[in-house]
Amino acid sequence: MNRTEPHVREAGAGEAVVCLHANASTSGQWRGLMDLLAPTHHVLAPDSYGCGRSPDWTSDRTISLADEVAFLEPMLARLRAPLTWVGHSYGAAVALKAALVDPSRVRALVLYEPTLFSLIDAETPPPNAADGIRQAVAAAGSARDAGQPQRAAQAFIDYWMGPGAWARTPADRQPPIADSVANVRRWAHALFSEPAPLEAFRALDMPVLYMVGKRSTASAHGVARLLRTVLPRVRMVEFDELGHMGPITHPSVVNAEVKRFLESARTP
């Protein structure tokens, strides 16, 4: 049994809020939100497997979202339920899986474009709205195999942020992102092979803030189109000027919406 634990950033006191970061990122993406919520909440932001200061996944078995949730259990064991999950992209997919595993400990969910591509494939086999990310993963994986980590990162980042995004990434930020993209096939496996059917999410009867960027990708919008039909208490917010990486490129805009939602969710 894997008994490793994540590295966790913590701030504040009160009801617990657990923030899960996107792929090719770390818990550091939540610094602004942690500062904003710390006066009223106990905010925790773990590094996922192989990111930041957390250990990597070492099993011969390809990782699943259930494994990502299990990795967080040592942290969750010391928190008083119920808690709020906040997740972005892959982190939002993990948050949804965690809510399915134990909905009794969830007060609310805050999601920015969860990437549960398995739902798109279950509705309609390829070709479908997930083809773009499928192609980006294939290109990034092939580049890694060819010993070209920068080109792999370009394929992945440009898919999510638009052509030229990788070239505009500051030089000091490129090496850690390129290193993390080594896990791109692992991430894709977890997201495309998640066994939970769409109807399972109908059981998540808690307040849900679901945020999307109007300038995001077809794959992210495809997941949103499906989940919004089954989440019983979902509030959809679309940001006209944001894309998939909104929590990182425009944190003040997204964080303000999160804070408003958490304040409303606390109201009896």
Protein backbone atom coordinates (compact mmCIF):
# COMPACT_ATOMS: atom_id res chain seq x y z
CA MET A 1 0.00 0.00 0.00
CA ASN A 2 1.27 3.48 -0.88
CA ARG A 3 1.67 5.47 2.33
CA THR A 4 3.29 8.61 0.96
CA GLU A 5 1.81 12.00 1.83
CA PRO A 6 1.52 15.26 -0.08
CA HIS A 7 3.33 18.45 0.76
CA VAL A 8 0.66 20.92 1.94
CA ARG A 9 0.56 24.71 2.19
CA GLU A 10 -1.69 25.94 5.02
CA ALA A 11 -3.09 29.26 6.17
CA GLY A 12 -5.83 30.55 8.44
CA ALA A 13 -8.34 28.92 10.77
CA GLY A 14 -11.98 27.94 10.56
CA GLU A 15 -13.89 25.73 8.15
CA ALA A 16 -11.55 23.78 5.90
CA VAL A 17 -11.08 24.64 2.22
CA VAL A 18 -8.86 22.31 0.20
CA CYS A 19 -7.47 23.71 -3.06
CA LEU A 20 -6.24 21.39 -5.82
CA HIS A 21 -4.05 22.75 -8.59
CA ALA A 22 -3.96 22.14 -12.34
CA ASN A 23 -1.50 19.96 -14.25
CA ALA A 24 1.91 21.53 -14.94
CA SER A 25 1.36 23.66 -11.83
CA THR A 26 1.78 23.43 -8.06
CA SER A 27 0.00 24.47 -4.88
CA GLY A 28 1.70 27.83 -5.34
CA GLN A 29 -1.03 28.82 -7.81
CA TRP A 30 -3.37 29.26 -4.84
CA ARG A 31 -1.28 31.78 -2.86
CA GLY A 32 -3.64 34.65 -3.65
CA LEU A 33 -6.76 32.68 -2.78
CA MET A 34 -5.19 31.47 0.45
CA ASP A 35 -4.42 35.05 1.50
CA LEU A 36 -7.97 36.09 0.63
CA LEU A 37 -9.68 33.27 2.56
CA ALA A 38 -7.31 32.86 5.51
CA PRO A 39 -9.12 35.40 7.75
CA THR A 40 -12.24 33.19 7.76
CA HIS A 41 -11.14 29.70 6.68
CA HIS A 42 -8.49 27.05 7.21
CA VAL A 43 -7.08 26.82 3.68
CA LEU A 44 -4.95 23.88 2.56
CA ALA A 45 -3.29 23.49 -0.83
CA PRO A 46 -1.50 20.17 -1.42
CA ASP A 47 1.00 19.47 -4.19
CA SER A 48 -0.24 16.53 -6.23
CA TYR A 49 1.93 13.53 -7.11
CA GLY A 50 5.20 14.58 -8.76
CA CYS A 51 4.49 18.30 -8.39
CA GLY A 52 6.08 20.93 -6.17
CA ARG A 53 7.49 19.28 -3.07
CA SER A 54 5.35 16.13 -3.13
CA PRO A 55 6.78 12.70 -3.99
CA ASP A 56 6.16 11.18 -7.39
CA TRP A 57 3.88 8.26 -8.21
CA THR A 58 6.10 5.16 -8.10
CA SER A 59 3.72 2.28 -8.79
CA ASP A 60 3.99 0.25 -12.00
CA ARG A 61 0.22 0.68 -12.33
CA THR A 62 -0.96 3.75 -14.23
CA ILE A 63 -2.47 6.30 -11.88
CA SER A 64 -6.21 6.89 -11.51
CA LEU A 65 -8.24 9.71 -9.99
CA ALA A 66 -9.02 7.39 -7.08
CA ASP A 67 -5.26 7.15 -6.43
CA GLU A 68 -5.03 10.93 -6.43
CA VAL A 69 -7.81 11.10 -3.81
CA ALA A 70 -6.19 8.40 -1.68
CA PHE A 71 -2.94 10.42 -1.70
CA LEU A 72 -4.80 13.21 0.11
CA GLU A 73 -6.26 11.02 2.86
CA PRO A 74 -3.53 11.68 5.47
CA MET A 75 -4.26 15.39 5.11
CA LEU A 76 -8.04 14.90 5.20
CA ALA A 77 -7.85 12.68 8.28
CA ARG A 78 -6.88 15.64 10.45
CA LEU A 79 -9.60 17.97 9.18
CA ARG A 80 -13.04 18.44 10.65
CA ALA A 81 -15.78 17.73 8.10
CA PRO A 82 -17.54 19.07 6.20
CA LEU A 83 -15.01 20.83 3.99
CA THR A 84 -15.06 22.69 0.69
CA TRP A 85 -13.11 21.44 -2.31
CA VAL A 86 -11.69 24.01 -4.73
CA GLY A 87 -10.18 22.62 -7.93
CA HIS A 88 -8.84 23.81 -11.26
CA SER A 89 -8.64 21.58 -14.36
CA TYR A 90 -7.14 18.22 -13.28
CA GLY A 91 -7.49 19.36 -9.67
CA ALA A 92 -11.20 19.98 -10.23
CA ALA A 93 -11.56 16.46 -11.63
CA VAL A 94 -9.88 15.11 -8.48
CA ALA A 95 -12.20 17.23 -6.35
CA LEU A 96 -15.25 15.75 -8.08
CA LYS A 97 -13.89 12.24 -7.56
CA ALA A 98 -13.24 12.99 -3.87
CA ALA A 99 -16.83 14.18 -3.51
CA LEU A 100 -18.10 10.95 -5.07
CA VAL A 101 -15.92 8.88 -2.74
CA ASP A 102 -17.32 10.55 0.38
CA PRO A 103 -20.04 13.17 -0.19
CA SER A 104 -20.79 13.32 3.54
CA ARG A 105 -17.63 15.29 4.21
CA VAL A 106 -18.26 17.90 1.49
CA ARG A 107 -19.91 21.24 2.29
CA ALA A 108 -19.49 22.69 -1.20
CA LEU A 109 -17.56 22.34 -4.46
CA VAL A 110 -15.79 25.10 -6.36
CA LEU A 111 -14.74 23.96 -9.82
CA TYR A 112 -12.91 25.74 -12.61
CA GLU A 113 -13.24 23.63 -15.77
CA PRO A 114 -12.82 20.06 -14.48
CA THR A 115 -11.26 17.92 -17.21
CA LEU A 116 -13.28 14.71 -16.92
CA PHE A 117 -12.88 13.77 -20.57
CA SER A 118 -14.23 10.28 -19.89
CA LEU A 119 -17.71 11.85 -19.81
CA ILE A 120 -17.32 13.17 -23.35
CA ASP A 121 -16.19 9.80 -24.71
CA ALA A 122 -18.99 8.01 -22.85
CA GLU A 123 -21.58 10.21 -24.51
CA THR A 124 -20.15 10.02 -28.04
CA PRO A 125 -17.15 7.97 -29.19
CA PRO A 126 -14.41 9.91 -31.01
CA PRO A 127 -14.36 12.06 -33.02
CA ASN A 128 -15.78 14.39 -30.40
CA ALA A 129 -15.03 17.50 -28.33
CA ALA A 130 -12.09 15.80 -26.61
CA ASP A 131 -10.13 15.30 -29.85
CA GLY A 132 -8.06 18.45 -29.34
CA ILE A 133 -6.66 17.38 -25.98
CA ARG A 134 -6.20 13.83 -27.28
CA GLN A 135 -4.04 15.19 -30.09
CA ALA A 136 -2.11 17.49 -27.75
CA VAL A 137 -1.31 14.59 -25.42
CA ALA A 138 -0.17 12.46 -28.36
CA ALA A 139 2.08 15.25 -29.64
CA ALA A 140 3.52 15.95 -26.19
CA GLY A 141 4.12 12.26 -25.55
CA SER A 142 5.87 11.79 -28.89
CA ALA A 143 8.08 14.81 -28.23
CA ARG A 144 9.05 13.42 -24.83
CA ASP A 145 9.89 10.08 -26.42
CA ALA A 146 12.13 11.93 -28.87
CA GLY A 147 13.97 13.67 -26.04
CA GLN A 148 12.41 17.08 -26.73
CA PRO A 149 10.82 18.22 -23.45
CA GLN A 150 10.46 21.83 -24.59
CA ARG A 151 8.48 20.80 -27.65
CA ALA A 152 6.35 18.54 -25.45
CA ALA A 153 5.57 21.44 -23.13
CA GLN A 154 4.76 23.63 -26.12
CA ALA A 155 2.19 21.12 -27.40
CA PHE A 156 0.50 20.93 -24.02
CA ILE A 157 0.60 24.60 -23.01
CA ASP A 158 -0.35 25.94 -26.42
CA TYR A 159 -3.39 23.67 -26.49
CA TRP A 160 -4.70 25.09 -23.23
CA MET A 161 -3.58 28.70 -23.63
CA GLY A 162 -3.45 29.25 -27.38
CA PRO A 163 -0.70 29.24 -30.02
CA GLY A 164 2.43 31.05 -28.90
CA ALA A 165 1.67 30.74 -25.19
CA TRP A 166 4.70 28.58 -24.53
CA ALA A 167 7.00 31.00 -26.35
CA ARG A 168 5.68 33.81 -24.14
CA THR A 169 6.26 31.83 -20.92
CA PRO A 170 9.10 33.43 -18.90
CA ALA A 171 12.36 31.55 -19.38
CA ASP A 172 12.74 30.82 -15.66
CA ARG A 173 9.29 29.17 -15.60
CA GLN A 174 9.83 26.91 -18.58
CA PRO A 175 12.11 24.18 -17.10
CA PRO A 176 9.79 23.07 -14.23
CA ILE A 177 6.77 23.09 -16.55
CA ALA A 178 8.65 21.07 -19.17
CA ASP A 179 9.71 18.59 -16.48
CA SER A 180 6.13 18.15 -15.26
CA VAL A 181 4.82 17.45 -18.77
CA ALA A 182 6.70 14.15 -18.56
CA ASN A 183 3.50 12.97 -16.84
CA VAL A 184 1.15 14.00 -19.63
CA ARG A 185 0.16 10.45 -20.62
CA ARG A 186 -0.44 9.57 -16.97
CA TRP A 187 -2.75 12.54 -16.53
CA ALA A 188 -4.64 11.67 -19.70
CA HIS A 189 -5.09 8.06 -18.60
CA ALA A 190 -6.65 9.14 -15.29
CA LEU A 191 -9.02 11.56 -17.00
CA PHE A 192 -10.07 9.44 -19.97
CA SER A 193 -10.40 6.17 -18.02
CA GLU A 194 -12.37 7.46 -15.00
CA PRO A 195 -15.18 4.90 -14.60
CA ALA A 196 -17.77 7.14 -12.89
CA PRO A 197 -20.73 7.63 -15.26
CA LEU A 198 -22.36 11.01 -15.75
CA GLU A 199 -25.42 9.98 -13.69
CA ALA A 200 -23.21 9.35 -10.64
CA PHE A 201 -22.69 13.08 -10.23
CA ARG A 202 -26.43 13.60 -9.71
CA ALA A 203 -25.82 12.35 -6.14
CA LEU A 204 -23.66 15.38 -5.29
CA ASP A 205 -26.41 17.33 -3.56
CA MET A 206 -24.35 20.25 -2.28
CA PRO A 207 -23.75 23.80 -3.51
CA VAL A 208 -21.47 23.81 -6.56
CA LEU A 209 -19.82 26.81 -8.19
CA TYR A 210 -18.82 25.79 -11.72
CA MET A 211 -16.67 28.36 -13.51
CA VAL A 212 -15.71 28.37 -17.19
CA GLY A 213 -13.76 30.71 -19.43
CA LYS A 214 -15.53 31.68 -22.63
CA ARG A 215 -12.15 31.58 -24.42
CA SER A 216 -11.38 28.04 -23.27
CA THR A 217 -11.23 24.86 -25.34
CA ALA A 218 -13.90 22.61 -26.80
CA SER A 219 -12.89 19.83 -24.42
CA ALA A 220 -13.38 21.95 -21.30
CA HIS A 221 -16.70 23.28 -22.61
CA GLY A 222 -17.79 19.76 -23.52
CA VAL A 223 -17.34 18.54 -19.95
CA ALA A 224 -19.20 21.58 -18.62
CA ARG A 225 -22.11 21.01 -20.99
CA LEU A 226 -22.58 17.53 -19.54
CA LEU A 227 -21.99 18.13 -15.84
CA ARG A 228 -24.28 21.14 -15.65
CA THR A 229 -27.22 18.87 -16.55
CA VAL A 230 -26.75 16.53 -13.57
CA LEU A 231 -25.27 18.52 -10.67
CA PRO A 232 -28.41 19.30 -8.62
CA ARG A 233 -27.33 22.61 -7.05
CA VAL A 234 -24.89 24.03 -9.56
CA ARG A 235 -24.32 27.72 -10.23
CA MET A 236 -22.59 28.34 -13.55
CA VAL A 237 -20.34 31.38 -14.03
CA GLU A 238 -18.75 32.17 -17.40
CA PHE A 239 -15.93 34.70 -17.66
CA ASP A 240 -16.02 36.40 -21.06
CA GLU A 241 -12.33 37.30 -21.20
CA LEU A 242 -10.80 34.19 -19.58
CA GLY A 243 -9.53 30.89 -20.89
CA HIS A 244 -8.77 27.55 -19.26
CA MET A 245 -5.93 28.93 -17.17
CA GLY A 246 -8.04 31.72 -15.68
CA PRO A 247 -7.16 30.94 -12.03
CA ILE A 248 -3.49 31.50 -12.94
CA THR A 249 -3.70 34.30 -15.53
CA HIS A 250 -6.45 36.29 -13.76
CA PRO A 251 -6.41 35.11 -10.13
CA SER A 252 -8.03 38.22 -8.66
CA VAL A 253 -11.10 37.83 -10.91
CA VAL A 254 -11.55 34.13 -10.14
CA ASN A 255 -10.67 34.41 -6.46
CA ALA A 256 -13.25 37.15 -5.89
CA GLU A 257 -15.95 34.88 -7.33
CA VAL A 258 -14.80 32.02 -5.09
CA LYS A 259 -14.92 34.25 -2.01
CA ARG A 260 -18.45 35.45 -2.82
CA PHE A 261 -19.63 31.90 -3.31
CA LEU A 262 -18.14 30.66 -0.04
CA GLU A 263 -19.75 33.55 1.82
CA SER A 264 -23.14 32.68 0.33
CA ALA A 265 -22.65 28.97 1.04
CA ARG A 266 -22.12 29.77 4.73
CA THR A 267 -25.47 31.54 4.95
CA PRO A 268 -28.19 29.29 6.47
